């Protein structure tokens, strides 16, 4: 009740409901009851990407697959004018068959009051989020500010150190 961005959250959820992709958590219902905004999404059985990183880095092939699927989901949403804008390892859920479900597309950003008028800026922010997911997958560290189980990446001159400096065997293309 009284959320400062409730109308934006409802709008984002309604727009997200129109995007059909198996990798995006489906929005089933959106509404307002007695002044309380609500969103009903599909139940996603699986574990957040961050759970897999608690014990350290993952193999590069696994990271490439997970982030690649996430990128495809974002591309599909972006074609409909939606962007995530708040990607973290908690946003990506790994379901039992190994595929991913992306949680909170457009909705998390709306709830935080984050929006961009230009699609290029929003797409770039999601691309930075994808690179951050790769970094986290390869190192077990997050290259930015985040609440959660991952420690921050060490910094040199204000930038995260390269993933190859933290983990052995990082492929050159990553």
Protein backbone atom coordinates (compact mmCIF):
# COMPACT_ATOMS: atom_id res chain seq x y z
CA UNK A 1 0.00 0.00 0.00
CA UNK A 2 1.17 3.49 -0.83
CA UNK A 3 4.18 2.40 -2.88
CA UNK A 4 5.50 5.52 -4.63
CA UNK A 5 5.83 3.75 -7.99
CA UNK A 6 2.75 1.51 -7.83
CA UNK A 7 1.30 2.79 -11.11
CA UNK A 8 4.64 2.22 -12.88
CA UNK A 9 4.88 -1.30 -11.45
CA UNK A 10 1.38 -2.14 -12.68
CA UNK A 11 2.18 -0.74 -16.12
CA UNK A 12 5.46 -2.68 -16.32
CA UNK A 13 3.78 -5.91 -15.23
CA UNK A 14 0.99 -5.52 -17.77
CA UNK A 15 3.51 -4.90 -20.55
CA UNK A 16 5.64 -7.85 -19.37
CA UNK A 17 2.56 -10.08 -19.53
CA UNK A 18 2.43 -9.48 -23.29
CA UNK A 19 5.91 -10.93 -23.95
CA UNK A 20 5.76 -14.62 -24.74
CA UNK A 21 9.05 -16.40 -24.07
CA UNK A 22 9.60 -19.57 -22.05
CA UNK A 23 12.68 -18.00 -20.44
CA UNK A 24 10.71 -15.10 -18.94
CA UNK A 25 8.66 -15.64 -15.80
CA UNK A 26 5.06 -15.15 -16.94
CA UNK A 27 2.87 -12.48 -15.36
CA UNK A 28 -0.50 -14.07 -14.66
CA UNK A 29 -2.42 -11.23 -13.03
CA UNK A 30 -1.98 -7.60 -12.07
CA UNK A 31 -4.29 -5.44 -10.09
CA UNK A 32 -5.17 -3.34 -7.12
CA UNK A 33 -7.24 -4.50 -4.17
CA UNK A 34 -8.15 -2.08 -1.41
CA UNK A 35 -5.26 0.21 -2.30
CA UNK A 36 -2.67 -2.56 -2.47
CA UNK A 37 -1.04 -3.23 -5.80
CA UNK A 38 -0.33 -6.88 -6.57
CA UNK A 39 1.32 -8.93 -9.27
CA UNK A 40 0.90 -12.66 -9.67
CA UNK A 41 3.64 -14.45 -11.60
CA UNK A 42 4.07 -18.08 -12.43
CA UNK A 43 5.65 -20.21 -9.75
CA UNK A 44 9.21 -20.92 -10.82
CA UNK A 45 10.63 -24.13 -9.49
CA UNK A 46 14.39 -23.87 -9.36
CA UNK A 47 17.25 -22.04 -7.70
CA UNK A 48 18.63 -18.55 -8.24
CA UNK A 49 21.95 -18.32 -10.08
CA UNK A 50 23.46 -16.81 -6.93
CA UNK A 51 22.86 -20.09 -5.05
CA UNK A 52 25.12 -21.89 -7.52
CA UNK A 53 27.84 -19.28 -6.94
CA UNK A 54 27.97 -19.61 -3.16
CA UNK A 55 30.69 -22.23 -3.49
CA UNK A 56 32.72 -20.26 -6.00
CA UNK A 57 33.02 -19.97 -9.75
CA UNK A 58 31.29 -22.21 -12.28
CA UNK A 59 32.77 -23.78 -15.42
CA UNK A 60 32.97 -21.33 -18.30
CA UNK A 61 30.68 -23.49 -20.48
CA UNK A 62 27.97 -23.37 -17.81
CA UNK A 63 28.29 -19.60 -17.41
CA UNK A 64 28.21 -19.10 -21.18
CA UNK A 65 25.00 -21.17 -21.49
CA UNK A 66 23.18 -19.51 -18.58
CA UNK A 67 24.07 -15.96 -19.57
CA UNK A 68 23.45 -16.74 -23.24
CA UNK A 69 19.91 -17.88 -22.47
CA UNK A 70 19.42 -14.81 -20.30
CA UNK A 71 20.59 -12.61 -23.18
CA UNK A 72 18.12 -14.29 -25.54
CA UNK A 73 15.28 -13.67 -23.08
CA UNK A 74 16.29 -10.02 -22.78
CA UNK A 75 16.47 -9.70 -26.55
CA UNK A 76 12.93 -11.03 -26.84
CA UNK A 77 11.69 -8.62 -24.17
CA UNK A 78 13.65 -5.75 -25.74
CA UNK A 79 11.89 -6.35 -29.06
CA UNK A 80 8.68 -5.47 -27.18
CA UNK A 81 10.22 -2.40 -25.56
CA UNK A 82 10.90 -4.00 -22.18
CA UNK A 83 14.19 -4.08 -20.34
CA UNK A 84 15.21 -5.58 -17.03
CA UNK A 85 17.53 -2.79 -15.84
CA UNK A 86 18.23 -4.53 -12.50
CA UNK A 87 19.99 -7.78 -13.43
CA UNK A 88 21.63 -9.63 -10.55
CA UNK A 89 22.37 -13.30 -9.90
CA UNK A 90 19.06 -13.39 -8.00
CA UNK A 91 17.18 -12.42 -11.19
CA UNK A 92 18.14 -15.59 -13.03
CA UNK A 93 16.60 -18.84 -11.85
CA UNK A 94 17.98 -22.20 -12.98
CA UNK A 95 15.10 -24.67 -13.32
CA UNK A 96 15.49 -28.44 -12.85
CA UNK A 97 15.94 -29.15 -16.58
CA UNK A 98 18.92 -26.72 -16.63
CA UNK A 99 17.18 -23.94 -18.53
CA UNK A 100 16.68 -20.47 -17.07
CA UNK A 101 13.79 -18.26 -16.05
CA UNK A 102 14.41 -14.55 -15.87
CA UNK A 103 12.52 -12.94 -13.01
CA UNK A 104 11.31 -9.36 -12.72
CA UNK A 105 11.80 -8.06 -16.26
CA UNK A 106 10.74 -4.39 -16.21
CA UNK A 107 8.95 -4.92 -12.88
CA UNK A 108 11.98 -4.76 -10.57
CA UNK A 109 13.16 -1.56 -12.25
CA UNK A 110 9.70 0.02 -12.01
CA UNK A 111 9.50 -0.85 -8.31
CA UNK A 112 12.84 0.87 -7.77
CA UNK A 113 11.84 3.91 -9.81
CA UNK A 114 14.43 3.13 -12.51
CA UNK A 115 13.51 3.90 -16.10
CA UNK A 116 15.14 5.12 -19.28
CA UNK A 117 13.45 7.04 -22.04
CA UNK A 118 15.92 5.84 -24.65
CA UNK A 119 15.97 2.18 -25.66
CA UNK A 120 19.71 2.36 -26.39
CA UNK A 121 20.47 3.38 -22.81
CA UNK A 122 18.24 0.65 -21.40
CA UNK A 123 19.77 -1.97 -23.72
CA UNK A 124 23.25 -0.91 -22.67
CA UNK A 125 22.32 -1.19 -19.00
CA UNK A 126 21.05 -4.73 -19.59
CA UNK A 127 24.24 -5.54 -21.52
CA UNK A 128 26.31 -4.34 -18.56
CA UNK A 129 24.15 -6.55 -16.35
CA UNK A 130 24.86 -9.55 -18.59
CA UNK A 131 28.61 -8.90 -18.44
CA UNK A 132 28.31 -8.64 -14.66
CA UNK A 133 26.56 -12.03 -14.60
CA UNK A 134 29.42 -13.50 -16.63
CA UNK A 135 31.93 -12.00 -14.20
CA UNK A 136 30.04 -13.41 -11.22
CA UNK A 137 29.75 -16.83 -12.82
CA UNK A 138 33.47 -17.00 -13.60
CA UNK A 139 34.71 -15.58 -10.29
CA UNK A 140 32.02 -16.05 -7.65
CA UNK A 141 32.25 -12.27 -7.03
CA UNK A 142 30.00 -9.39 -8.06
CA UNK A 143 31.64 -6.47 -9.92
CA UNK A 144 29.37 -3.85 -8.41
CA UNK A 145 27.23 -3.06 -5.41
CA UNK A 146 24.78 -5.81 -4.51
CA UNK A 147 23.04 -7.20 -1.45
CA UNK A 148 23.37 -10.94 -1.33
CA UNK A 149 25.72 -13.82 -0.75
CA UNK A 150 28.38 -12.84 -3.29
CA UNK A 151 31.34 -10.85 -2.14
CA UNK A 152 32.40 -7.80 -4.09
CA UNK A 153 35.07 -8.08 -6.75
CA UNK A 154 38.43 -6.62 -5.78
CA UNK A 155 39.06 -3.24 -7.37
CA UNK A 156 42.12 -1.72 -8.99
CA UNK A 157 41.89 1.96 -9.91
CA UNK A 158 38.16 1.85 -9.22
CA UNK A 159 37.47 -1.06 -11.60
CA UNK A 160 36.93 -4.75 -10.96
CA UNK A 161 40.06 -6.81 -11.61
CA UNK A 162 39.86 -9.02 -14.72
CA UNK A 163 38.16 -12.37 -14.09
CA UNK A 164 41.34 -14.24 -15.13
CA UNK A 165 43.15 -12.63 -12.18
CA UNK A 166 40.66 -14.25 -9.75
CA UNK A 167 40.01 -17.63 -11.36
CA UNK A 168 42.18 -19.98 -13.37
CA UNK A 169 41.17 -21.12 -16.83
CA UNK A 170 38.95 -18.19 -17.83
CA UNK A 171 38.65 -18.39 -21.64
CA UNK A 172 40.02 -15.39 -23.51
CA UNK A 173 36.64 -14.68 -25.14
CA UNK A 174 35.08 -14.22 -21.72
